[in-house]
Amino acid sequence: MGIVKISDQMHDNLRSASDALSRSINAQAEHWMRVGMLAELHPALSYGDICQLMLRAAQSNEPGLSFVKPVPPAPAAARTPRRAAR
């Protein structure tokens, strides 16, 4: 376990959200970090899709988020070509 320093504003946001959702401040922070990590790994997923991933992981007793693989990059033909430096 470690210590994470956050701004006072973020702590206030955590406190408000944790009160509203009946979670501890630490549980709320961990939830937001988990959602944020999955959003970065899977940028095409909506918040609802991310929640479904987390629910499936909990139901299958998967530890942590190790079951989540990053989305593979698009095929080269689908990417926008970069201009060559002059």
N, C-alpha and C. Protein backbone atom coordinates (compact mmCIF):
# COMPACT_ATOMS: atom_id res chain seq x y z
N MET A 1 0.85 -1.17 0.00
CA MET A 1 0.00 0.00 0.00
C MET A 1 0.90 1.23 0.00
N GLY A 2 0.48 2.25 -0.73
CA GLY A 2 1.27 3.46 -0.81
C GLY A 2 0.43 4.69 -0.52
N ILE A 3 1.08 5.80 -0.57
CA ILE A 3 0.41 7.08 -0.34
C ILE A 3 0.39 7.83 -1.66
N VAL A 4 -0.77 8.35 -2.00
CA VAL A 4 -0.94 9.13 -3.22
C VAL A 4 -1.37 10.53 -2.81
N LYS A 5 -0.62 11.53 -3.25
CA LYS A 5 -1.00 12.91 -2.94
C LYS A 5 -1.92 13.42 -4.03
N ILE A 6 -3.03 14.01 -3.62
CA ILE A 6 -3.98 14.59 -4.56
C ILE A 6 -4.31 16.00 -4.11
N SER A 7 -4.88 16.77 -5.01
CA SER A 7 -5.23 18.15 -4.69
C SER A 7 -6.40 18.18 -3.70
N ASP A 8 -6.54 19.31 -3.02
CA ASP A 8 -7.67 19.49 -2.11
C ASP A 8 -8.99 19.41 -2.87
N GLN A 9 -9.04 19.96 -4.08
CA GLN A 9 -10.26 19.92 -4.88
C GLN A 9 -10.65 18.48 -5.21
N MET A 10 -9.67 17.66 -5.60
CA MET A 10 -9.96 16.26 -5.90
C MET A 10 -10.43 15.53 -4.65
N HIS A 11 -9.83 15.83 -3.51
CA HIS A 11 -10.25 15.20 -2.26
C HIS A 11 -11.69 15.59 -1.93
N ASP A 12 -12.04 16.84 -2.13
CA ASP A 12 -13.42 17.28 -1.91
C ASP A 12 -14.38 16.54 -2.85
N ASN A 13 -13.98 16.39 -4.12
CA ASN A 13 -14.80 15.64 -5.08
C ASN A 13 -14.96 14.18 -4.64
N LEU A 14 -13.88 13.58 -4.17
CA LEU A 14 -13.94 12.21 -3.68
C LEU A 14 -14.88 12.08 -2.50
N ARG A 15 -14.78 13.03 -1.58
CA ARG A 15 -15.64 12.99 -0.39
C ARG A 15 -17.11 13.08 -0.79
N SER A 16 -17.43 14.00 -1.69
CA SER A 16 -18.83 14.16 -2.13
C SER A 16 -19.33 12.90 -2.83
N ALA A 17 -18.53 12.36 -3.76
CA ALA A 17 -18.94 11.17 -4.50
C ALA A 17 -19.05 9.96 -3.58
N SER A 18 -18.12 9.83 -2.65
CA SER A 18 -18.16 8.67 -1.75
C SER A 18 -19.38 8.74 -0.84
N ASP A 19 -19.76 9.93 -0.38
CA ASP A 19 -20.98 10.08 0.42
C ASP A 19 -22.21 9.71 -0.41
N ALA A 20 -22.28 10.21 -1.63
CA ALA A 20 -23.45 9.97 -2.48
C ALA A 20 -23.59 8.50 -2.86
N LEU A 21 -22.46 7.81 -3.03
CA LEU A 21 -22.49 6.43 -3.51
C LEU A 21 -22.24 5.40 -2.40
N SER A 22 -22.23 5.86 -1.15
CA SER A 22 -22.04 4.98 0.02
C SER A 22 -20.77 4.14 -0.07
N ARG A 23 -19.68 4.81 -0.47
CA ARG A 23 -18.37 4.16 -0.52
C ARG A 23 -17.43 4.93 0.40
N SER A 24 -16.38 4.26 0.82
CA SER A 24 -15.33 4.99 1.53
C SER A 24 -14.60 5.88 0.53
N ILE A 25 -13.89 6.86 1.03
CA ILE A 25 -13.12 7.74 0.14
C ILE A 25 -12.10 6.91 -0.64
N ASN A 26 -11.44 5.98 0.03
CA ASN A 26 -10.45 5.13 -0.66
C ASN A 26 -11.11 4.25 -1.72
N ALA A 27 -12.28 3.69 -1.41
CA ALA A 27 -12.98 2.86 -2.40
C ALA A 27 -13.41 3.69 -3.60
N GLN A 28 -13.84 4.93 -3.37
CA GLN A 28 -14.24 5.79 -4.48
C GLN A 28 -13.03 6.14 -5.35
N ALA A 29 -11.91 6.46 -4.71
CA ALA A 29 -10.69 6.78 -5.47
C ALA A 29 -10.25 5.57 -6.29
N GLU A 30 -10.29 4.39 -5.70
CA GLU A 30 -9.91 3.18 -6.43
C GLU A 30 -10.85 2.92 -7.59
N HIS A 31 -12.13 3.14 -7.40
CA HIS A 31 -13.10 2.98 -8.48
C HIS A 31 -12.77 3.92 -9.64
N TRP A 32 -12.54 5.18 -9.33
CA TRP A 32 -12.22 6.14 -10.38
C TRP A 32 -10.92 5.78 -11.09
N MET A 33 -9.93 5.29 -10.35
CA MET A 33 -8.67 4.89 -10.98
C MET A 33 -8.87 3.69 -11.89
N ARG A 34 -9.67 2.73 -11.45
CA ARG A 34 -9.94 1.54 -12.26
C ARG A 34 -10.67 1.92 -13.54
N VAL A 35 -11.70 2.76 -13.42
CA VAL A 35 -12.44 3.21 -14.59
C VAL A 35 -11.52 3.99 -15.53
N GLY A 36 -10.71 4.87 -14.98
CA GLY A 36 -9.79 5.65 -15.81
C GLY A 36 -8.77 4.79 -16.52
N MET A 37 -8.26 3.78 -15.83
CA MET A 37 -7.28 2.89 -16.46
C MET A 37 -7.93 2.13 -17.62
N LEU A 38 -9.14 1.62 -17.39
CA LEU A 38 -9.82 0.90 -18.46
C LEU A 38 -10.18 1.82 -19.61
N ALA A 39 -10.52 3.06 -19.31
CA ALA A 39 -10.84 4.03 -20.38
C ALA A 39 -9.61 4.30 -21.24
N GLU A 40 -8.43 4.35 -20.62
CA GLU A 40 -7.20 4.56 -21.39
C GLU A 40 -6.85 3.32 -22.21
N LEU A 41 -7.07 2.14 -21.65
CA LEU A 41 -6.76 0.91 -22.37
C LEU A 41 -7.75 0.64 -23.49
N HIS A 42 -8.99 1.10 -23.33
CA HIS A 42 -10.08 0.84 -24.28
C HIS A 42 -10.80 2.14 -24.61
N PRO A 43 -10.18 3.03 -25.37
CA PRO A 43 -10.76 4.35 -25.61
C PRO A 43 -12.09 4.33 -26.35
N ALA A 44 -12.42 3.25 -27.02
CA ALA A 44 -13.69 3.19 -27.75
C ALA A 44 -14.87 2.81 -26.86
N LEU A 45 -14.61 2.36 -25.63
CA LEU A 45 -15.69 1.92 -24.75
C LEU A 45 -16.33 3.10 -24.03
N SER A 46 -17.63 3.00 -23.83
CA SER A 46 -18.36 3.99 -23.04
C SER A 46 -18.21 3.64 -21.56
N TYR A 47 -18.66 4.54 -20.71
CA TYR A 47 -18.63 4.27 -19.27
C TYR A 47 -19.45 3.01 -18.95
N GLY A 48 -20.60 2.87 -19.60
CA GLY A 48 -21.44 1.69 -19.39
C GLY A 48 -20.73 0.41 -19.80
N ASP A 49 -19.99 0.45 -20.91
CA ASP A 49 -19.22 -0.72 -21.35
C ASP A 49 -18.14 -1.07 -20.33
N ILE A 50 -17.50 -0.05 -19.80
CA ILE A 50 -16.45 -0.27 -18.80
C ILE A 50 -17.04 -0.89 -17.54
N CYS A 51 -18.21 -0.40 -17.12
CA CYS A 51 -18.88 -0.99 -15.95
C CYS A 51 -19.22 -2.45 -16.20
N GLN A 52 -19.65 -2.78 -17.41
CA GLN A 52 -19.95 -4.17 -17.75
C GLN A 52 -18.69 -5.04 -17.67
N LEU A 53 -17.55 -4.51 -18.13
CA LEU A 53 -16.29 -5.25 -18.02
C LEU A 53 -15.98 -5.54 -16.56
N MET A 54 -16.13 -4.53 -15.71
CA MET A 54 -15.82 -4.71 -14.30
C MET A 54 -16.79 -5.69 -13.64
N LEU A 55 -18.07 -5.64 -14.01
CA LEU A 55 -19.04 -6.59 -13.47
C LEU A 55 -18.72 -8.02 -13.89
N ARG A 56 -18.38 -8.21 -15.17
CA ARG A 56 -18.01 -9.55 -15.64
C ARG A 56 -16.78 -10.08 -14.91
N ALA A 57 -15.82 -9.19 -14.67
CA ALA A 57 -14.61 -9.61 -13.95
C ALA A 57 -14.95 -10.02 -12.53
N ALA A 58 -15.83 -9.27 -11.87
CA ALA A 58 -16.22 -9.61 -10.51
C ALA A 58 -16.99 -10.92 -10.46
N GLN A 59 -17.85 -11.16 -11.44
CA GLN A 59 -18.65 -12.37 -11.46
C GLN A 59 -17.82 -13.61 -11.78
N SER A 60 -16.74 -13.43 -12.53
CA SER A 60 -15.90 -14.58 -12.87
C SER A 60 -14.75 -14.75 -11.90
N ASN A 61 -14.75 -13.93 -10.83
CA ASN A 61 -13.71 -14.00 -9.80
C ASN A 61 -12.31 -13.78 -10.34
N GLU A 62 -12.20 -12.97 -11.39
CA GLU A 62 -10.88 -12.63 -11.94
C GLU A 62 -10.19 -11.67 -10.97
N PRO A 63 -8.95 -11.92 -10.63
CA PRO A 63 -8.25 -11.01 -9.73
C PRO A 63 -7.86 -9.73 -10.44
N GLY A 64 -8.12 -8.62 -9.81
CA GLY A 64 -7.71 -7.32 -10.36
C GLY A 64 -8.24 -7.06 -11.74
N LEU A 65 -7.41 -6.47 -12.55
CA LEU A 65 -7.78 -6.15 -13.92
C LEU A 65 -6.87 -6.83 -14.91
N SER A 66 -6.18 -7.88 -14.49
CA SER A 66 -5.21 -8.52 -15.37
C SER A 66 -5.86 -9.19 -16.57
N PHE A 67 -7.18 -9.43 -16.51
CA PHE A 67 -7.87 -10.05 -17.64
C PHE A 67 -8.06 -9.07 -18.79
N VAL A 68 -7.89 -7.79 -18.54
CA VAL A 68 -8.18 -6.78 -19.55
C VAL A 68 -6.93 -6.56 -20.40
N LYS A 69 -7.05 -6.83 -21.66
CA LYS A 69 -5.94 -6.65 -22.59
C LYS A 69 -6.13 -5.34 -23.34
N PRO A 70 -5.06 -4.61 -23.61
CA PRO A 70 -5.21 -3.38 -24.39
C PRO A 70 -5.78 -3.67 -25.77
N VAL A 71 -6.51 -2.72 -26.29
CA VAL A 71 -7.07 -2.85 -27.64
C VAL A 71 -5.93 -2.81 -28.64
N PRO A 72 -5.85 -3.78 -29.56
CA PRO A 72 -4.76 -3.75 -30.53
C PRO A 72 -4.89 -2.55 -31.45
N PRO A 73 -3.77 -2.03 -31.94
CA PRO A 73 -3.85 -0.88 -32.84
C PRO A 73 -4.56 -1.24 -34.14
N ALA A 74 -5.11 -0.21 -34.77
CA ALA A 74 -5.80 -0.41 -36.05
C ALA A 74 -4.80 -0.87 -37.11
N PRO A 75 -5.25 -1.64 -38.11
CA PRO A 75 -4.34 -2.03 -39.19
C PRO A 75 -3.73 -0.82 -39.86
N ALA A 76 -2.55 -0.98 -40.41
CA ALA A 76 -1.82 0.14 -41.02
C ALA A 76 -2.65 0.86 -42.07
N ALA A 77 -3.44 0.14 -42.84
CA ALA A 77 -4.23 0.76 -43.90
C ALA A 77 -5.31 1.69 -43.35
N ALA A 78 -5.74 1.43 -42.13
CA ALA A 78 -6.81 2.25 -41.53
C ALA A 78 -6.27 3.50 -40.86
N ARG A 79 -4.97 3.56 -40.61
CA ARG A 79 -4.38 4.71 -39.95
C ARG A 79 -4.18 5.85 -40.93
N THR A 80 -4.22 7.05 -40.39
CA THR A 80 -3.97 8.24 -41.21
C THR A 80 -2.47 8.34 -41.43
N PRO A 81 -2.02 8.42 -42.68
CA PRO A 81 -0.57 8.52 -42.93
C PRO A 81 -0.02 9.85 -42.43
N ARG A 82 1.21 9.80 -41.94
CA ARG A 82 1.88 11.01 -41.50
C ARG A 82 2.63 11.61 -42.68
N ARG A 83 2.72 12.92 -42.66
CA ARG A 83 3.48 13.58 -43.71
C ARG A 83 4.96 13.47 -43.43
N ALA A 84 5.72 13.29 -44.46
CA ALA A 84 7.15 13.18 -44.33
C ALA A 84 7.74 14.54 -43.98
N ALA A 85 8.75 14.53 -43.14
CA ALA A 85 9.43 15.79 -42.78
C ALA A 85 10.20 16.31 -43.98
N ARG A 86 10.19 17.62 -44.16
CA ARG A 86 10.91 18.22 -45.30
C ARG A 86 12.20 18.82 -44.88
